[in-house]
Amino acid sequence: MPAHHPSTEPSTKKEERRSFAFLTIVMAPVLSGLLIAAYGFLVWFYQMLFSGPPHA
């Protein structure tokens, strides 16, 4: 009798819905927030290096 692995069995509709909900509700906002934060950091770092100190 062969051992059954979860990766070899076809996924169910419930698992697909749960995966889709996780990707759209959790991962998409987290990844977009990280992308925006990384861009903001890069702009800040670029300005710190090439614009010099702030002028009063």
PDB file of N, CA and C in Angstrom:
ATOM      1  N   MET A   1       0.840  -1.180   0.000  1.00  0.00           N
ATOM      2  CA  MET A   1       0.000   0.000   0.000  1.00  0.00           C
ATOM      3  C   MET A   1       0.886   1.244   0.000  1.00  0.00           C
ATOM      4  N   PRO A   2       0.837   2.070  -1.037  1.00  0.00           N
ATOM      5  CA  PRO A   2       1.726   3.242  -1.109  1.00  0.00           C
ATOM      6  C   PRO A   2       1.289   4.325  -0.126  1.00  0.00           C
ATOM      7  N   ALA A   3       2.290   5.053   0.357  1.00  0.00           N
ATOM      8  CA  ALA A   3       2.012   6.166   1.273  1.00  0.00           C
ATOM      9  C   ALA A   3       1.493   7.356   0.463  1.00  0.00           C
ATOM     10  N   HIS A   4       0.490   8.017   1.008  1.00  0.00           N
ATOM     11  CA  HIS A   4      -0.074   9.186   0.327  1.00  0.00           C
ATOM     12  C   HIS A   4       0.541  10.457   0.898  1.00  0.00           C
ATOM     13  N   HIS A   5       1.039  11.285   0.034  1.00  0.00           N
ATOM     14  CA  HIS A   5       1.585  12.574   0.430  1.00  0.00           C
ATOM     15  C   HIS A   5       0.580  13.651   0.057  1.00  0.00           C
ATOM     16  N   PRO A   6       0.437  14.685   0.905  1.00  0.00           N
ATOM     17  CA  PRO A   6      -0.528  15.739   0.587  1.00  0.00           C
ATOM     18  C   PRO A   6      -0.242  16.440  -0.736  1.00  0.00           C
ATOM     19  N   SER A   7       1.022  16.492  -1.147  1.00  0.00           N
ATOM     20  CA  SER A   7       1.348  17.199  -2.385  1.00  0.00           C
ATOM     21  C   SER A   7       0.921  16.411  -3.629  1.00  0.00           C
ATOM     22  N   THR A   8       0.716  15.102  -3.491  1.00  0.00           N
ATOM     23  CA  THR A   8       0.343  14.312  -4.656  1.00  0.00           C
ATOM     24  C   THR A   8      -1.172  14.231  -4.847  1.00  0.00           C
ATOM     25  N   GLU A   9      -1.926  14.516  -3.797  1.00  0.00           N
ATOM     26  CA  GLU A   9      -3.378  14.463  -3.909  1.00  0.00           C
ATOM     27  C   GLU A   9      -3.896  15.751  -4.531  1.00  0.00           C
ATOM     28  N   PRO A  10      -4.953  15.676  -5.341  1.00  0.00           N
ATOM     29  CA  PRO A  10      -5.505  16.903  -5.934  1.00  0.00           C
ATOM     30  C   PRO A  10      -6.090  17.814  -4.861  1.00  0.00           C
ATOM     31  N   SER A  11      -5.940  19.105  -5.053  1.00  0.00           N
ATOM     32  CA  SER A  11      -6.446  20.051  -4.068  1.00  0.00           C
ATOM     33  C   SER A  11      -7.964  20.155  -4.170  1.00  0.00           C
ATOM     34  N   THR A  12      -8.567  20.456  -3.054  1.00  0.00           N
ATOM     35  CA  THR A  12     -10.018  20.592  -3.019  1.00  0.00           C
ATOM     36  C   THR A  12     -10.402  22.053  -3.236  1.00  0.00           C
ATOM     37  N   LYS A  13     -11.677  22.260  -3.521  1.00  0.00           N
ATOM     38  CA  LYS A  13     -12.167  23.626  -3.717  1.00  0.00           C
ATOM     39  C   LYS A  13     -12.006  24.440  -2.437  1.00  0.00           C
ATOM     40  N   LYS A  14     -12.177  23.808  -1.284  1.00  0.00           N
ATOM     41  CA  LYS A  14     -12.031  24.519  -0.011  1.00  0.00           C
ATOM     42  C   LYS A  14     -10.590  25.010   0.170  1.00  0.00           C
ATOM     43  N   GLU A  15      -9.628  24.146  -0.147  1.00  0.00           N
ATOM     44  CA  GLU A  15      -8.221  24.546  -0.046  1.00  0.00           C
ATOM     45  C   GLU A  15      -7.899  25.665  -1.033  1.00  0.00           C
ATOM     46  N   GLU A  16      -8.455  25.581  -2.234  1.00  0.00           N
ATOM     47  CA  GLU A  16      -8.208  26.629  -3.231  1.00  0.00           C
ATOM     48  C   GLU A  16      -8.791  27.955  -2.779  1.00  0.00           C
ATOM     49  N   ARG A  17     -10.009  27.940  -2.225  1.00  0.00           N
ATOM     50  CA  ARG A  17     -10.616  29.180  -1.725  1.00  0.00           C
ATOM     51  C   ARG A  17      -9.822  29.757  -0.572  1.00  0.00           C
ATOM     52  N   ARG A  18      -9.357  28.891   0.332  1.00  0.00           N
ATOM     53  CA  ARG A  18      -8.563  29.363   1.470  1.00  0.00           C
ATOM     54  C   ARG A  18      -7.245  29.969   0.998  1.00  0.00           C
ATOM     55  N   SER A  19      -6.604  29.341   0.031  1.00  0.00           N
ATOM     56  CA  SER A  19      -5.353  29.869  -0.510  1.00  0.00           C
ATOM     57  C   SER A  19      -5.579  31.204  -1.216  1.00  0.00           C
ATOM     58  N   PHE A  20      -6.641  31.307  -2.000  1.00  0.00           N
ATOM     59  CA  PHE A  20      -6.951  32.549  -2.694  1.00  0.00           C
ATOM     60  C   PHE A  20      -7.251  33.666  -1.698  1.00  0.00           C
ATOM     61  N   ALA A  21      -8.032  33.362  -0.661  1.00  0.00           N
ATOM     62  CA  ALA A  21      -8.354  34.370   0.352  1.00  0.00           C
ATOM     63  C   ALA A  21      -7.085  34.826   1.073  1.00  0.00           C
ATOM     64  N   PHE A  22      -6.209  33.887   1.413  1.00  0.00           N
ATOM     65  CA  PHE A  22      -4.962  34.250   2.085  1.00  0.00           C
ATOM     66  C   PHE A  22      -4.101  35.144   1.206  1.00  0.00           C
ATOM     67  N   LEU A  23      -4.009  34.795  -0.080  1.00  0.00           N
ATOM     68  CA  LEU A  23      -3.185  35.594  -0.987  1.00  0.00           C
ATOM     69  C   LEU A  23      -3.756  36.998  -1.180  1.00  0.00           C
ATOM     70  N   THR A  24      -5.069  37.110  -1.324  1.00  0.00           N
ATOM     71  CA  THR A  24      -5.663  38.417  -1.613  1.00  0.00           C
ATOM     72  C   THR A  24      -5.850  39.271  -0.372  1.00  0.00           C
ATOM     73  N   ILE A  25      -6.184  38.670   0.770  1.00  0.00           N
ATOM     74  CA  ILE A  25      -6.479  39.448   1.975  1.00  0.00           C
ATOM     75  C   ILE A  25      -5.216  39.732   2.778  1.00  0.00           C
ATOM     76  N   VAL A  26      -4.264  38.810   2.782  1.00  0.00           N
ATOM     77  CA  VAL A  26      -3.070  38.962   3.623  1.00  0.00           C
ATOM     78  C   VAL A  26      -1.837  39.333   2.808  1.00  0.00           C
ATOM     79  N   MET A  27      -1.481  38.490   1.845  1.00  0.00           N
ATOM     80  CA  MET A  27      -0.186  38.663   1.188  1.00  0.00           C
ATOM     81  C   MET A  27      -0.124  39.863   0.249  1.00  0.00           C
ATOM     82  N   ALA A  28      -1.175  40.134  -0.495  1.00  0.00           N
ATOM     83  CA  ALA A  28      -1.135  41.267  -1.423  1.00  0.00           C
ATOM     84  C   ALA A  28      -0.942  42.595  -0.687  1.00  0.00           C
ATOM     85  N   PRO A  29      -1.700  42.889   0.389  1.00  0.00           N
ATOM     86  CA  PRO A  29      -1.450  44.147   1.107  1.00  0.00           C
ATOM     87  C   PRO A  29      -0.077  44.195   1.783  1.00  0.00           C
ATOM     88  N   VAL A  30       0.362  43.072   2.325  1.00  0.00           N
ATOM     89  CA  VAL A  30       1.680  43.050   2.976  1.00  0.00           C
ATOM     90  C   VAL A  30       2.785  43.313   1.961  1.00  0.00           C
ATOM     91  N   LEU A  31       2.727  42.640   0.820  1.00  0.00           N
ATOM     92  CA  LEU A  31       3.762  42.825  -0.194  1.00  0.00           C
ATOM     93  C   LEU A  31       3.736  44.229  -0.785  1.00  0.00           C
ATOM     94  N   SER A  32       2.549  44.784  -1.000  1.00  0.00           N
ATOM     95  CA  SER A  32       2.489  46.142  -1.544  1.00  0.00           C
ATOM     96  C   SER A  32       2.993  47.149  -0.514  1.00  0.00           C
ATOM     97  N   GLY A  33       2.689  46.946   0.748  1.00  0.00           N
ATOM     98  CA  GLY A  33       3.216  47.830   1.790  1.00  0.00           C
ATOM     99  C   GLY A  33       4.730  47.763   1.877  1.00  0.00           C
ATOM    100  N   LEU A  34       5.281  46.565   1.797  1.00  0.00           N
ATOM    101  CA  LEU A  34       6.742  46.419   1.817  1.00  0.00           C
ATOM    102  C   LEU A  34       7.384  47.066   0.599  1.00  0.00           C
ATOM    103  N   LEU A  35       6.742  46.951  -0.543  1.00  0.00           N
ATOM    104  CA  LEU A  35       7.264  47.568  -1.761  1.00  0.00           C
ATOM    105  C   LEU A  35       7.277  49.091  -1.628  1.00  0.00           C
ATOM    106  N   ILE A  36       6.206  49.669  -1.099  1.00  0.00           N
ATOM    107  CA  ILE A  36       6.136  51.113  -0.908  1.00  0.00           C
ATOM    108  C   ILE A  36       7.166  51.573   0.119  1.00  0.00           C
ATOM    109  N   ALA A  37       7.322  50.808   1.200  1.00  0.00           N
ATOM    110  CA  ALA A  37       8.313  51.159   2.224  1.00  0.00           C
ATOM    111  C   ALA A  37       9.728  51.085   1.661  1.00  0.00           C
ATOM    112  N   ALA A  38      10.017  50.067   0.855  1.00  0.00           N
ATOM    113  CA  ALA A  38      11.345  49.942   0.263  1.00  0.00           C
ATOM    114  C   ALA A  38      11.624  51.098  -0.692  1.00  0.00           C
ATOM    115  N   TYR A  39      10.635  51.496  -1.476  1.00  0.00           N
ATOM    116  CA  TYR A  39      10.812  52.627  -2.381  1.00  0.00           C
ATOM    117  C   TYR A  39      11.056  53.917  -1.594  1.00  0.00           C
ATOM    118  N   GLY A  40      10.288  54.132  -0.547  1.00  0.00           N
ATOM    119  CA  GLY A  40      10.500  55.314   0.286  1.00  0.00           C
ATOM    120  C   GLY A  40      11.886  55.333   0.906  1.00  0.00           C
ATOM    121  N   PHE A  41      12.354  54.181   1.374  1.00  0.00           N
ATOM    122  CA  PHE A  41      13.694  54.112   1.936  1.00  0.00           C
ATOM    123  C   PHE A  41      14.746  54.421   0.889  1.00  0.00           C
ATOM    124  N   LEU A  42      14.572  53.882  -0.324  1.00  0.00           N
ATOM    125  CA  LEU A  42      15.549  54.146  -1.382  1.00  0.00           C
ATOM    126  C   LEU A  42      15.582  55.629  -1.739  1.00  0.00           C
ATOM    127  N   VAL A  43      14.442  56.287  -1.815  1.00  0.00           N
ATOM    128  CA  VAL A  43      14.405  57.716  -2.111  1.00  0.00           C
ATOM    129  C   VAL A  43      15.077  58.497  -0.988  1.00  0.00           C
ATOM    130  N   TRP A  44      14.777  58.159   0.260  1.00  0.00           N
ATOM    131  CA  TRP A  44      15.393  58.849   1.397  1.00  0.00           C
ATOM    132  C   TRP A  44      16.913  58.668   1.387  1.00  0.00           C
ATOM    133  N   PHE A  45      17.364  57.436   1.133  1.00  0.00           N
ATOM    134  CA  PHE A  45      18.798  57.165   1.128  1.00  0.00           C
ATOM    135  C   PHE A  45      19.487  57.893  -0.019  1.00  0.00           C
ATOM    136  N   TYR A  46      18.862  57.913  -1.187  1.00  0.00           N
ATOM    137  CA  TYR A  46      19.411  58.633  -2.331  1.00  0.00           C
ATOM    138  C   TYR A  46      19.542  60.121  -2.005  1.00  0.00           C
ATOM    139  N   GLN A  47      18.514  60.709  -1.431  1.00  0.00           N
ATOM    140  CA  GLN A  47      18.565  62.130  -1.091  1.00  0.00           C
ATOM    141  C   GLN A  47      19.616  62.403  -0.026  1.00  0.00           C
ATOM    142  N   MET A  48      19.770  61.477   0.919  1.00  0.00           N
ATOM    143  CA  MET A  48      20.781  61.659   1.962  1.00  0.00           C
ATOM    144  C   MET A  48      22.183  61.640   1.358  1.00  0.00           C
ATOM    145  N   LEU A  49      22.414  60.779   0.383  1.00  0.00           N
ATOM    146  CA  LEU A  49      23.748  60.667  -0.204  1.00  0.00           C
ATOM    147  C   LEU A  49      24.074  61.787  -1.178  1.00  0.00           C
ATOM    148  N   PHE A  50      23.113  62.159  -2.034  1.00  0.00           N
ATOM    149  CA  PHE A  50      23.428  63.043  -3.149  1.00  0.00           C
ATOM    150  C   PHE A  50      22.911  64.475  -3.009  1.00  0.00           C
ATOM    151  N   SER A  51      22.032  64.736  -2.064  1.00  0.00           N
ATOM    152  CA  SER A  51      21.507  66.101  -1.922  1.00  0.00           C
ATOM    153  C   SER A  51      22.222  66.891  -0.853  1.00  0.00           C
ATOM    154  N   GLY A  52      22.993  66.238  -0.010  1.00  0.00           N
ATOM    155  CA  GLY A  52      23.680  66.942   1.038  1.00  0.00           C
ATOM    156  C   GLY A  52      22.782  67.153   2.242  1.00  0.00           C
ATOM    157  N   PRO A  53      23.296  67.886   3.237  1.00  0.00           N
ATOM    158  CA  PRO A  53      22.505  68.113   4.446  1.00  0.00           C
ATOM    159  C   PRO A  53      21.341  69.066   4.164  1.00  0.00           C
ATOM    160  N   PRO A  54      20.315  69.020   4.994  1.00  0.00           N
ATOM    161  CA  PRO A  54      19.192  69.943   4.791  1.00  0.00           C
ATOM    162  C   PRO A  54      19.604  71.393   5.043  1.00  0.00           C
ATOM    163  N   HIS A  55      19.017  72.306   4.301  1.00  0.00           N
ATOM    164  CA  HIS A  55      19.345  73.715   4.432  1.00  0.00           C
ATOM    165  C   HIS A  55      18.276  74.403   5.258  1.00  0.00           C
ATOM    166  N   ALA A  56      18.720  75.214   6.188  1.00  0.00           N
ATOM    167  CA  ALA A  56      17.765  75.908   7.058  1.00  0.00           C
ATOM    168  C   ALA A  56      17.332  77.218   6.476  1.00  0.00           C
TER     169      ALA A  56
END
